[in-house]
PDB file of all heavy atoms in Angstrom:
ATOM      1  N   SER A   1      24.209  14.819  -6.687  1.00  0.00           N
ATOM      2  CA  SER A   1      23.534  14.928  -5.401  1.00  0.00           C
ATOM      3  C   SER A   1      22.023  15.057  -5.600  1.00  0.00           C
ATOM      4  O   SER A   1      21.233  14.417  -4.900  1.00  0.00           O
ATOM      5  CB  SER A   1      24.064  16.112  -4.638  1.00  0.00           C
ATOM      6  OG  SER A   1      23.403  16.279  -3.422  1.00  0.00           O
ATOM      7  N   ALA A   2      21.601  15.882  -6.535  1.00  0.00           N
ATOM      8  CA  ALA A   2      20.175  16.038  -6.833  1.00  0.00           C
ATOM      9  C   ALA A   2      19.592  14.727  -7.323  1.00  0.00           C
ATOM     10  O   ALA A   2      18.473  14.328  -6.935  1.00  0.00           O
ATOM     11  CB  ALA A   2      19.964  17.156  -7.847  1.00  0.00           C
ATOM     12  N   PHE A   3      20.316  14.029  -8.183  1.00  0.00           N
ATOM     13  CA  PHE A   3      19.866  12.739  -8.695  1.00  0.00           C
ATOM     14  C   PHE A   3      19.722  11.723  -7.566  1.00  0.00           C
ATOM     15  O   PHE A   3      18.713  11.007  -7.469  1.00  0.00           O
ATOM     16  CB  PHE A   3      20.855  12.223  -9.760  1.00  0.00           C
ATOM     17  CG  PHE A   3      20.474  10.891 -10.344  1.00  0.00           C
ATOM     18  CD1 PHE A   3      19.498  10.822 -11.327  1.00  0.00           C
ATOM     19  CD2 PHE A   3      21.091   9.737  -9.914  1.00  0.00           C
ATOM     20  CE1 PHE A   3      19.143   9.588 -11.878  1.00  0.00           C
ATOM     21  CE2 PHE A   3      20.747   8.516 -10.461  1.00  0.00           C
ATOM     22  CZ  PHE A   3      19.769   8.447 -11.440  1.00  0.00           C
ATOM     23  N   ASP A   4      20.716  11.656  -6.679  1.00  0.00           N
ATOM     24  CA  ASP A   4      20.669  10.743  -5.545  1.00  0.00           C
ATOM     25  C   ASP A   4      19.472  11.023  -4.649  1.00  0.00           C
ATOM     26  O   ASP A   4      18.814  10.104  -4.153  1.00  0.00           O
ATOM     27  CB  ASP A   4      21.963  10.807  -4.730  1.00  0.00           C
ATOM     28  CG  ASP A   4      23.164  10.248  -5.481  1.00  0.00           C
ATOM     29  OD1 ASP A   4      22.975   9.563  -6.516  1.00  0.00           O
ATOM     30  OD2 ASP A   4      24.312  10.531  -5.040  1.00  0.00           O
ATOM     31  N   GLU A   5      19.200  12.311  -4.429  1.00  0.00           N
ATOM     32  CA  GLU A   5      18.058  12.710  -3.601  1.00  0.00           C
ATOM     33  C   GLU A   5      16.741  12.235  -4.235  1.00  0.00           C
ATOM     34  O   GLU A   5      15.855  11.728  -3.551  1.00  0.00           O
ATOM     35  CB  GLU A   5      18.043  14.224  -3.379  1.00  0.00           C
ATOM     36  CG  GLU A   5      16.868  14.714  -2.556  1.00  0.00           C
ATOM     37  CD  GLU A   5      16.860  14.144  -1.140  1.00  0.00           C
ATOM     38  OE1 GLU A   5      17.930  13.841  -0.592  1.00  0.00           O
ATOM     39  OE2 GLU A   5      15.744  13.983  -0.602  1.00  0.00           O
ATOM     40  N   LYS A   6      16.628  12.391  -5.536  1.00  0.00           N
ATOM     41  CA  LYS A   6      15.412  11.926  -6.242  1.00  0.00           C
ATOM     42  C   LYS A   6      15.280  10.416  -6.152  1.00  0.00           C
ATOM     43  O   LYS A   6      14.184   9.893  -5.981  1.00  0.00           O
ATOM     44  CB  LYS A   6      15.410  12.391  -7.715  1.00  0.00           C
ATOM     45  CG  LYS A   6      15.232  13.865  -7.880  1.00  0.00           C
ATOM     46  CD  LYS A   6      13.914  14.336  -7.349  1.00  0.00           C
ATOM     47  CE  LYS A   6      13.778  15.824  -7.475  1.00  0.00           C
ATOM     48  NZ  LYS A   6      12.581  16.329  -6.810  1.00  0.00           N
ATOM     49  N   GLU A   7      16.406   9.706  -6.274  1.00  0.00           N
ATOM     50  CA  GLU A   7      16.372   8.239  -6.114  1.00  0.00           C
ATOM     51  C   GLU A   7      15.869   7.840  -4.741  1.00  0.00           C
ATOM     52  O   GLU A   7      15.080   6.933  -4.603  1.00  0.00           O
ATOM     53  CB  GLU A   7      17.746   7.638  -6.392  1.00  0.00           C
ATOM     54  CG  GLU A   7      18.028   7.381  -7.837  1.00  0.00           C
ATOM     55  CD  GLU A   7      19.262   6.531  -8.037  1.00  0.00           C
ATOM     56  OE1 GLU A   7      20.207   6.606  -7.200  1.00  0.00           O
ATOM     57  OE2 GLU A   7      19.313   5.811  -9.032  1.00  0.00           O
ATOM     58  N   ARG A   8      16.365   8.540  -3.702  1.00  0.00           N
ATOM     59  CA  ARG A   8      15.907   8.248  -2.325  1.00  0.00           C
ATOM     60  C   ARG A   8      14.426   8.515  -2.191  1.00  0.00           C
ATOM     61  O   ARG A   8      13.691   7.743  -1.569  1.00  0.00           O
ATOM     62  CB  ARG A   8      16.696   9.096  -1.305  1.00  0.00           C
ATOM     63  CG  ARG A   8      18.079   8.540  -0.982  1.00  0.00           C
ATOM     64  CD  ARG A   8      18.705   9.270   0.190  1.00  0.00           C
ATOM     65  NE  ARG A   8      19.035  10.645  -0.089  1.00  0.00           N
ATOM     66  CZ  ARG A   8      20.119  11.048  -0.716  1.00  0.00           C
ATOM     67  NH1 ARG A   8      21.021  10.198  -1.148  1.00  0.00           N
ATOM     68  NH2 ARG A   8      20.346  12.338  -0.925  1.00  0.00           N
ATOM     69  N   GLU A   9      13.972   9.619  -2.771  1.00  0.00           N
ATOM     70  CA  GLU A   9      12.567   9.973  -2.696  1.00  0.00           C
ATOM     71  C   GLU A   9      11.705   8.919  -3.392  1.00  0.00           C
ATOM     72  O   GLU A   9      10.673   8.501  -2.887  1.00  0.00           O
ATOM     73  CB  GLU A   9      12.343  11.339  -3.347  1.00  0.00           C
ATOM     74  CG  GLU A   9      10.948  11.873  -3.193  1.00  0.00           C
ATOM     75  CD  GLU A   9      10.775  13.261  -3.778  1.00  0.00           C
ATOM     76  OE1 GLU A   9      11.785  13.956  -4.022  1.00  0.00           O
ATOM     77  OE2 GLU A   9       9.617  13.645  -4.001  1.00  0.00           O
ATOM     78  N   ILE A  10      12.142   8.446  -4.554  1.00  0.00           N
ATOM     79  CA  ILE A  10      11.405   7.421  -5.288  1.00  0.00           C
ATOM     80  C   ILE A  10      11.350   6.136  -4.471  1.00  0.00           C
ATOM     81  O   ILE A  10      10.308   5.488  -4.353  1.00  0.00           O
ATOM     82  CB  ILE A  10      12.016   7.174  -6.681  1.00  0.00           C
ATOM     83  CG1 ILE A  10      11.730   8.373  -7.588  1.00  0.00           C
ATOM     84  CG2 ILE A  10      11.496   5.886  -7.301  1.00  0.00           C
ATOM     85  CD1 ILE A  10      12.521   8.360  -8.861  1.00  0.00           C
ATOM     86  N   PHE A  11      12.481   5.757  -3.852  1.00  0.00           N
ATOM     87  CA  PHE A  11      12.523   4.557  -3.013  1.00  0.00           C
ATOM     88  C   PHE A  11      11.513   4.687  -1.854  1.00  0.00           C
ATOM     89  O   PHE A  11      10.769   3.761  -1.568  1.00  0.00           O
ATOM     90  CB  PHE A  11      13.941   4.330  -2.472  1.00  0.00           C
ATOM     91  CG  PHE A  11      14.008   3.197  -1.495  1.00  0.00           C
ATOM     92  CD1 PHE A  11      14.068   1.891  -1.954  1.00  0.00           C
ATOM     93  CD2 PHE A  11      14.012   3.436  -0.125  1.00  0.00           C
ATOM     94  CE1 PHE A  11      14.105   0.839  -1.054  1.00  0.00           C
ATOM     95  CE2 PHE A  11      14.049   2.394   0.776  1.00  0.00           C
ATOM     96  CZ  PHE A  11      14.104   1.092   0.309  1.00  0.00           C
ATOM     97  N   MET A  12      11.507   5.857  -1.207  1.00  0.00           N
ATOM     98  CA  MET A  12      10.580   6.063  -0.078  1.00  0.00           C
ATOM     99  C   MET A  12       9.126   6.020  -0.541  1.00  0.00           C
ATOM    100  O   MET A  12       8.277   5.443   0.143  1.00  0.00           O
ATOM    101  CB  MET A  12      10.894   7.392   0.619  1.00  0.00           C
ATOM    102  CG  MET A  12      12.210   7.377   1.368  1.00  0.00           C
ATOM    103  SD  MET A  12      12.777   8.994   1.993  1.00  0.00           S
ATOM    104  CE  MET A  12      11.296   9.680   2.700  1.00  0.00           C
ATOM    105  N   LEU A  13       8.836   6.600  -1.696  1.00  0.00           N
ATOM    106  CA  LEU A  13       7.478   6.560  -2.224  1.00  0.00           C
ATOM    107  C   LEU A  13       7.049   5.145  -2.573  1.00  0.00           C
ATOM    108  O   LEU A  13       5.907   4.743  -2.311  1.00  0.00           O
ATOM    109  CB  LEU A  13       7.350   7.481  -3.430  1.00  0.00           C
ATOM    110  CG  LEU A  13       7.417   8.982  -3.117  1.00  0.00           C
ATOM    111  CD1 LEU A  13       7.509   9.774  -4.426  1.00  0.00           C
ATOM    112  CD2 LEU A  13       6.190   9.401  -2.333  1.00  0.00           C
ATOM    113  N   LYS A  14       7.962   4.366  -3.162  1.00  0.00           N
ATOM    114  CA  LYS A  14       7.650   2.957  -3.484  1.00  0.00           C
ATOM    115  C   LYS A  14       7.399   2.185  -2.209  1.00  0.00           C
ATOM    116  O   LYS A  14       6.481   1.352  -2.147  1.00  0.00           O
ATOM    117  CB  LYS A  14       8.767   2.331  -4.287  1.00  0.00           C
ATOM    118  CG  LYS A  14       8.808   2.734  -5.727  1.00  0.00           C
ATOM    119  CD  LYS A  14       9.927   2.005  -6.460  1.00  0.00           C
ATOM    120  CE  LYS A  14       9.930   2.286  -7.939  1.00  0.00           C
ATOM    121  NZ  LYS A  14      10.999   1.561  -8.628  1.00  0.00           N
ATOM    122  N   ASP A  15       8.200   2.426  -1.182  1.00  0.00           N
ATOM    123  CA  ASP A  15       8.022   1.761   0.103  1.00  0.00           C
ATOM    124  C   ASP A  15       6.667   2.099   0.704  1.00  0.00           C
ATOM    125  O   ASP A  15       5.939   1.214   1.170  1.00  0.00           O
ATOM    126  CB  ASP A  15       9.153   2.167   1.054  1.00  0.00           C
ATOM    127  CG  ASP A  15       9.136   1.395   2.329  1.00  0.00           C
ATOM    128  OD1 ASP A  15       9.210   0.152   2.284  1.00  0.00           O
ATOM    129  OD2 ASP A  15       9.045   2.031   3.400  1.00  0.00           O
ATOM    130  N   GLU A  16       6.321   3.388   0.707  1.00  0.00           N
ATOM    131  CA  GLU A  16       5.028   3.821   1.237  1.00  0.00           C
ATOM    132  C   GLU A  16       3.873   3.211   0.444  1.00  0.00           C
ATOM    133  O   GLU A  16       2.885   2.767   1.007  1.00  0.00           O
ATOM    134  CB  GLU A  16       4.939   5.356   1.191  1.00  0.00           C
ATOM    135  CG  GLU A  16       3.594   5.916   1.611  1.00  0.00           C
ATOM    136  CD  GLU A  16       3.276   5.692   3.071  1.00  0.00           C
ATOM    137  OE1 GLU A  16       4.189   5.431   3.872  1.00  0.00           O
ATOM    138  OE2 GLU A  16       2.083   5.742   3.429  1.00  0.00           O
ATOM    139  N   LEU A  17       3.996   3.186  -0.866  1.00  0.00           N
ATOM    140  CA  LEU A  17       2.972   2.584  -1.718  1.00  0.00           C
ATOM    141  C   LEU A  17       2.796   1.112  -1.386  1.00  0.00           C
ATOM    142  O   LEU A  17       1.673   0.619  -1.280  1.00  0.00           O
ATOM    143  CB  LEU A  17       3.317   2.753  -3.189  1.00  0.00           C
ATOM    144  CG  LEU A  17       2.351   2.131  -4.192  1.00  0.00           C
ATOM    145  CD1 LEU A  17       0.970   2.749  -4.034  1.00  0.00           C
ATOM    146  CD2 LEU A  17       2.866   2.311  -5.611  1.00  0.00           C
ATOM    147  N   GLY A  18       3.892   0.405  -1.185  1.00  0.00           N
ATOM    148  CA  GLY A  18       3.813  -1.001  -0.823  1.00  0.00           C
ATOM    149  C   GLY A  18       3.089  -1.228   0.491  1.00  0.00           C
ATOM    150  O   GLY A  18       2.254  -2.138   0.615  1.00  0.00           O
ATOM    151  N   ARG A  19       3.375  -0.378   1.486  1.00  0.00           N
ATOM    152  CA  ARG A  19       2.679  -0.478   2.767  1.00  0.00           C
ATOM    153  C   ARG A  19       1.204  -0.158   2.630  1.00  0.00           C
ATOM    154  O   ARG A  19       0.349  -0.819   3.222  1.00  0.00           O
ATOM    155  CB  ARG A  19       3.337   0.418   3.821  1.00  0.00           C
ATOM    156  CG  ARG A  19       4.647  -0.164   4.321  1.00  0.00           C
ATOM    157  CD  ARG A  19       5.266   0.620   5.471  1.00  0.00           C
ATOM    158  NE  ARG A  19       6.183   1.598   4.877  1.00  0.00           N
ATOM    159  CZ  ARG A  19       6.073   2.901   5.001  1.00  0.00           C
ATOM    160  NH1 ARG A  19       5.136   3.424   5.729  1.00  0.00           N
ATOM    161  NH2 ARG A  19       6.928   3.717   4.405  1.00  0.00           N
ATOM    162  N   GLN A  20       0.867   0.831   1.824  1.00  0.00           N
ATOM    163  CA  GLN A  20      -0.541   1.174   1.617  1.00  0.00           C
ATOM    164  C   GLN A  20      -1.280   0.072   0.883  1.00  0.00           C
ATOM    165  O   GLN A  20      -2.433  -0.243   1.208  1.00  0.00           O
ATOM    166  CB  GLN A  20      -0.662   2.498   0.845  1.00  0.00           C
ATOM    167  CG  GLN A  20      -0.275   3.690   1.671  1.00  0.00           C
ATOM    168  CD  GLN A  20      -0.373   4.996   0.892  1.00  0.00           C
ATOM    169  OE1 GLN A  20      -0.838   5.041  -0.243  1.00  0.00           O
ATOM    170  NE2 GLN A  20       0.060   6.088   1.519  1.00  0.00           N
ATOM    171  N   LYS A  21      -0.620  -0.531  -0.108  1.00  0.00           N
ATOM    172  CA  LYS A  21      -1.251  -1.639  -0.834  1.00  0.00           C
ATOM    173  C   LYS A  21      -1.513  -2.816   0.115  1.00  0.00           C
ATOM    174  O   LYS A  21      -2.583  -3.433   0.063  1.00  0.00           O
ATOM    175  CB  LYS A  21      -0.355  -2.092  -1.999  1.00  0.00           C
ATOM    176  CG  LYS A  21      -0.375  -1.108  -3.151  1.00  0.00           C
ATOM    177  CD  LYS A  21       0.678  -1.417  -4.194  1.00  0.00           C
ATOM    178  CE  LYS A  21       0.456  -2.701  -4.930  1.00  0.00           C
ATOM    179  NZ  LYS A  21       1.432  -2.915  -6.010  1.00  0.00           N
ATOM    180  N   LEU A  22      -0.554  -3.103   0.996  1.00  0.00           N
ATOM    181  CA  LEU A  22      -0.734  -4.191   1.954  1.00  0.00           C
ATOM    182  C   LEU A  22      -1.895  -3.898   2.879  1.00  0.00           C
ATOM    183  O   LEU A  22      -2.748  -4.765   3.109  1.00  0.00           O
ATOM    184  CB  LEU A  22       0.551  -4.386   2.760  1.00  0.00           C
ATOM    185  CG  LEU A  22       0.462  -5.409   3.900  1.00  0.00           C
ATOM    186  CD1 LEU A  22       0.129  -6.809   3.367  1.00  0.00           C
ATOM    187  CD2 LEU A  22       1.747  -5.431   4.708  1.00  0.00           C
ATOM    188  N   ALA A  23      -1.962  -2.678   3.412  1.00  0.00           N
ATOM    189  CA  ALA A  23      -3.024  -2.322   4.341  1.00  0.00           C
ATOM    190  C   ALA A  23      -4.386  -2.381   3.638  1.00  0.00           C
ATOM    191  O   ALA A  23      -5.365  -2.892   4.200  1.00  0.00           O
ATOM    192  CB  ALA A  23      -2.794  -0.908   4.885  1.00  0.00           C
ATOM    193  N   THR A  24      -4.445  -1.901   2.407  1.00  0.00           N
ATOM    194  CA  THR A  24      -5.698  -1.933   1.650  1.00  0.00           C
ATOM    195  C   THR A  24      -6.138  -3.368   1.388  1.00  0.00           C
ATOM    196  O   THR A  24      -7.308  -3.723   1.576  1.00  0.00           O
ATOM    197  CB  THR A  24      -5.559  -1.167   0.318  1.00  0.00           C
ATOM    198  OG1 THR A  24      -5.190   0.182   0.618  1.00  0.00           O
ATOM    199  CG2 THR A  24      -6.845  -1.169  -0.469  1.00  0.00           C
ATOM    200  N   GLN A  25      -5.201  -4.193   0.979  1.00  0.00           N
ATOM    201  CA  GLN A  25      -5.513  -5.614   0.696  1.00  0.00           C
ATOM    202  C   GLN A  25      -5.971  -6.323   1.972  1.00  0.00           C
ATOM    203  O   GLN A  25      -6.944  -7.068   1.970  1.00  0.00           O
ATOM    204  CB  GLN A  25      -4.286  -6.314   0.101  1.00  0.00           C
ATOM    205  CG  GLN A  25      -4.538  -7.724  -0.327  1.00  0.00           C
ATOM    206  CD  GLN A  25      -5.465  -7.825  -1.522  1.00  0.00           C
ATOM    207  OE1 GLN A  25      -5.776  -6.862  -2.186  1.00  0.00           O
ATOM    208  NE2 GLN A  25      -5.916  -9.016  -1.790  1.00  0.00           N
ATOM    209  N   ALA A  26      -5.268  -6.097   3.085  1.00  0.00           N
ATOM    210  CA  ALA A  26      -5.625  -6.722   4.347  1.00  0.00           C
ATOM    211  C   ALA A  26      -7.014  -6.267   4.795  1.00  0.00           C
ATOM    212  O   ALA A  26      -7.826  -7.089   5.222  1.00  0.00           O
ATOM    213  CB  ALA A  26      -4.575  -6.403   5.407  1.00  0.00           C
ATOM    214  N   LEU A  27      -7.289  -4.977   4.723  1.00  0.00           N
ATOM    215  CA  LEU A  27      -8.581  -4.452   5.129  1.00  0.00           C
ATOM    216  C   LEU A  27      -9.705  -5.014   4.253  1.00  0.00           C
ATOM    217  O   LEU A  27     -10.760  -5.408   4.744  1.00  0.00           O
ATOM    218  CB  LEU A  27      -8.577  -2.925   5.086  1.00  0.00           C
ATOM    219  CG  LEU A  27      -9.848  -2.220   5.521  1.00  0.00           C
ATOM    220  CD1 LEU A  27     -10.203  -2.583   6.956  1.00  0.00           C
ATOM    221  CD2 LEU A  27      -9.677  -0.713   5.394  1.00  0.00           C
ATOM    222  N   THR A  28      -9.459  -5.062   2.951  1.00  0.00           N
ATOM    223  CA  THR A  28     -10.455  -5.605   2.026  1.00  0.00           C
ATOM    224  C   THR A  28     -10.774  -7.063   2.361  1.00  0.00           C
ATOM    225  O   THR A  28     -11.935  -7.443   2.494  1.00  0.00           O
ATOM    226  CB  THR A  28      -9.941  -5.502   0.586  1.00  0.00           C
ATOM    227  OG1 THR A  28      -9.712  -4.131   0.275  1.00  0.00           O
ATOM    228  CG2 THR A  28     -10.943  -6.067  -0.390  1.00  0.00           C
ATOM    229  N   ARG A  29      -9.739  -7.859   2.545  1.00  0.00           N
ATOM    230  CA  ARG A  29      -9.955  -9.272   2.887  1.00  0.00           C
ATOM    231  C   ARG A  29     -10.660  -9.413   4.218  1.00  0.00           C
ATOM    232  O   ARG A  29     -11.537 -10.258   4.369  1.00  0.00           O
ATOM    233  CB  ARG A  29      -8.621 -10.014   2.930  1.00  0.00           C
ATOM    234  CG  ARG A  29      -8.033 -10.274   1.590  1.00  0.00           C
ATOM    235  CD  ARG A  29      -6.764 -11.084   1.714  1.00  0.00           C
ATOM    236  NE  ARG A  29      -6.112 -11.214   0.443  1.00  0.00           N
ATOM    237  CZ  ARG A  29      -4.968 -11.867   0.279  1.00  0.00           C
ATOM    238  NH1 ARG A  29      -4.382 -12.457   1.290  1.00  0.00           N
ATOM    239  NH2 ARG A  29      -4.416 -11.947  -0.929  1.00  0.00           N
ATOM    240  N   PHE A  30     -10.291  -8.593   5.201  1.00  0.00           N
ATOM    241  CA  PHE A  30     -10.885  -8.652   6.516  1.00  0.00           C
ATOM    242  C   PHE A  30     -12.397  -8.365   6.421  1.00  0.00           C
ATOM    243  O   PHE A  30     -13.205  -9.106   6.999  1.00  0.00           O
ATOM    244  CB  PHE A  30     -10.212  -7.639   7.447  1.00  0.00           C
ATOM    245  CG  PHE A  30     -10.790  -7.585   8.829  1.00  0.00           C
ATOM    246  CD1 PHE A  30     -10.464  -8.559   9.773  1.00  0.00           C
ATOM    247  CD2 PHE A  30     -11.675  -6.581   9.178  1.00  0.00           C
ATOM    248  CE1 PHE A  30     -11.014  -8.498  11.045  1.00  0.00           C
ATOM    249  CE2 PHE A  30     -12.216  -6.526  10.442  1.00  0.00           C
ATOM    250  CZ  PHE A  30     -11.897  -7.493  11.385  1.00  0.00           C
ATOM    251  N   LEU A  31     -12.750  -7.309   5.715  1.00  0.00           N
ATOM    252  CA  LEU A  31     -14.154  -6.944   5.596  1.00  0.00           C
ATOM    253  C   LEU A  31     -14.970  -8.048   4.901  1.00  0.00           C
ATOM    254  O   LEU A  31     -16.101  -8.341   5.298  1.00  0.00           O
ATOM    255  CB  LEU A  31     -14.307  -5.621   4.836  1.00  0.00           C
ATOM    256  CG  LEU A  31     -13.769  -4.374   5.546  1.00  0.00           C
ATOM    257  CD1 LEU A  31     -13.811  -3.181   4.594  1.00  0.00           C
ATOM    258  CD2 LEU A  31     -14.555  -4.099   6.803  1.00  0.00           C
ATOM    259  N   ILE A  32     -14.400  -8.649   3.871  1.00  0.00           N
ATOM    260  CA  ILE A  32     -15.089  -9.699   3.143  1.00  0.00           C
ATOM    261  C   ILE A  32     -15.194 -10.973   3.988  1.00  0.00           C
ATOM    262  O   ILE A  32     -16.261 -11.589   4.108  1.00  0.00           O
ATOM    263  CB  ILE A  32     -14.399  -9.982   1.785  1.00  0.00           C
ATOM    264  CG1 ILE A  32     -14.578  -8.765   0.862  1.00  0.00           C
ATOM    265  CG2 ILE A  32     -14.951 -11.246   1.134  1.00  0.00           C
ATOM    266  CD1 ILE A  32     -13.744  -8.799  -0.401  1.00  0.00           C
ATOM    267  N   GLU A  33     -14.078 -11.367   4.635  1.00  0.00           N
ATOM    268  CA  GLU A  33     -14.079 -12.591   5.451  1.00  0.00           C
ATOM    269  C   GLU A  33     -14.994 -12.474   6.670  1.00  0.00           C
ATOM    270  O   GLU A  33     -15.583 -13.446   7.083  1.00  0.00           O
ATOM    271  CB  GLU A  33     -12.654 -12.952   5.870  1.00  0.00           C
ATOM    272  CG  GLU A  33     -11.821 -13.474   4.720  1.00  0.00           C
ATOM    273  CD  GLU A  33     -10.381 -13.765   5.121  1.00  0.00           C
ATOM    274  OE1 GLU A  33     -10.054 -13.758   6.326  1.00  0.00           O
ATOM    275  OE2 GLU A  33      -9.574 -13.977   4.193  1.00  0.00           O
ATOM    276  N   LYS A  34     -15.130 -11.284   7.230  1.00  0.00           N
ATOM    277  CA  LYS A  34     -16.005 -11.080   8.381  1.00  0.00           C
ATOM    278  C   LYS A  34     -17.468 -10.945   7.951  1.00  0.00           C
ATOM    279  O   LYS A  34     -18.364 -10.854   8.789  1.00  0.00           O
ATOM    280  CB  LYS A  34     -15.602  -9.835   9.170  1.00  0.00           C
ATOM    281  CG  LYS A  34     -14.300  -9.978   9.902  1.00  0.00           C
ATOM    282  CD  LYS A  34     -14.437 -10.917  11.066  1.00  0.00           C
ATOM    283  CE  LYS A  34     -13.164 -10.988  11.876  1.00  0.00           C
ATOM    284  NZ  LYS A  34     -13.284 -11.824  13.042  1.00  0.00           N
ATOM    285  N   GLY A  35     -17.708 -10.923   6.646  1.00  0.00           N
ATOM    286  CA  GLY A  35     -19.093 -10.814   6.159  1.00  0.00           C
ATOM    287  C   GLY A  35     -19.648  -9.419   6.255  1.00  0.00           C
ATOM    288  O   GLY A  35     -20.856  -9.225   6.168  1.00  0.00           O
ATOM    289  N   ILE A  36     -18.803  -8.434   6.469  1.00  0.00           N
ATOM    290  CA  ILE A  36     -19.271  -7.044   6.584  1.00  0.00           C
ATOM    291  C   ILE A  36     -19.712  -6.531   5.217  1.00  0.00           C
ATOM    292  O   ILE A  36     -20.635  -5.734   5.106  1.00  0.00           O
ATOM    293  CB  ILE A  36     -18.162  -6.177   7.201  1.00  0.00           C
ATOM    294  CG1 ILE A  36     -17.895  -6.657   8.632  1.00  0.00           C
ATOM    295  CG2 ILE A  36     -18.536  -4.712   7.168  1.00  0.00           C
ATOM    296  CD1 ILE A  36     -16.701  -6.042   9.297  1.00  0.00           C
ATOM    297  N   ILE A  37     -19.019  -6.987   4.192  1.00  0.00           N
ATOM    298  CA  ILE A  37     -19.349  -6.602   2.821  1.00  0.00           C
ATOM    299  C   ILE A  37     -19.007  -7.789   1.906  1.00  0.00           C
ATOM    300  O   ILE A  37     -18.130  -8.566   2.221  1.00  0.00           O
ATOM    301  CB  ILE A  37     -18.584  -5.325   2.402  1.00  0.00           C
ATOM    302  CG1 ILE A  37     -19.139  -4.732   1.124  1.00  0.00           C
ATOM    303  CG2 ILE A  37     -17.091  -5.604   2.292  1.00  0.00           C
ATOM    304  CD1 ILE A  37     -18.629  -3.329   0.829  1.00  0.00           C
ATOM    305  N   GLU A  38     -19.758  -7.912   0.822  1.00  0.00           N
ATOM    306  CA  GLU A  38     -19.466  -8.956  -0.146  1.00  0.00           C
ATOM    307  C   GLU A  38     -18.514  -8.430  -1.207  1.00  0.00           C
ATOM    308  O   GLU A  38     -18.520  -7.219  -1.494  1.00  0.00           O
ATOM    309  CB  GLU A  38     -20.751  -9.464  -0.770  1.00  0.00           C
ATOM    310  CG  GLU A  38     -21.651 -10.198   0.217  1.00  0.00           C
ATOM    311  CD  GLU A  38     -22.843 -10.823  -0.424  1.00  0.00           C
ATOM    312  OE1 GLU A  38     -22.860 -11.000  -1.674  1.00  0.00           O
ATOM    313  OE2 GLU A  38     -23.790 -11.124   0.324  1.00  0.00           O
ATOM    314  N   ALA A  39     -17.736  -9.315  -1.797  1.00  0.00           N
ATOM    315  CA  ALA A  39     -16.733  -8.892  -2.785  1.00  0.00           C
ATOM    316  C   ALA A  39     -17.377  -8.133  -3.956  1.00  0.00           C
ATOM    317  O   ALA A  39     -16.861  -7.122  -4.395  1.00  0.00           O
ATOM    318  CB  ALA A  39     -15.972 -10.110  -3.303  1.00  0.00           C
ATOM    319  N   ALA A  40     -18.527  -8.603  -4.428  1.00  0.00           N
ATOM    320  CA  ALA A  40     -19.212  -7.941  -5.559  1.00  0.00           C
ATOM    321  C   ALA A  40     -19.682  -6.567  -5.152  1.00  0.00           C
ATOM    322  O   ALA A  40     -19.590  -5.611  -5.945  1.00  0.00           O
ATOM    323  CB  ALA A  40     -20.345  -8.797  -6.048  1.00  0.00           C
TER     324      ALA A  40
END
């Protein structure tokens, strides 16, 4: 049961990380494409 709970927690953390990576990537691209900031 403890092992299963840790597996669920890891799955949730990976899911959250994936959503954060997507949001960060989208925001970065948006800022660059809008000319708000340059990639360099």
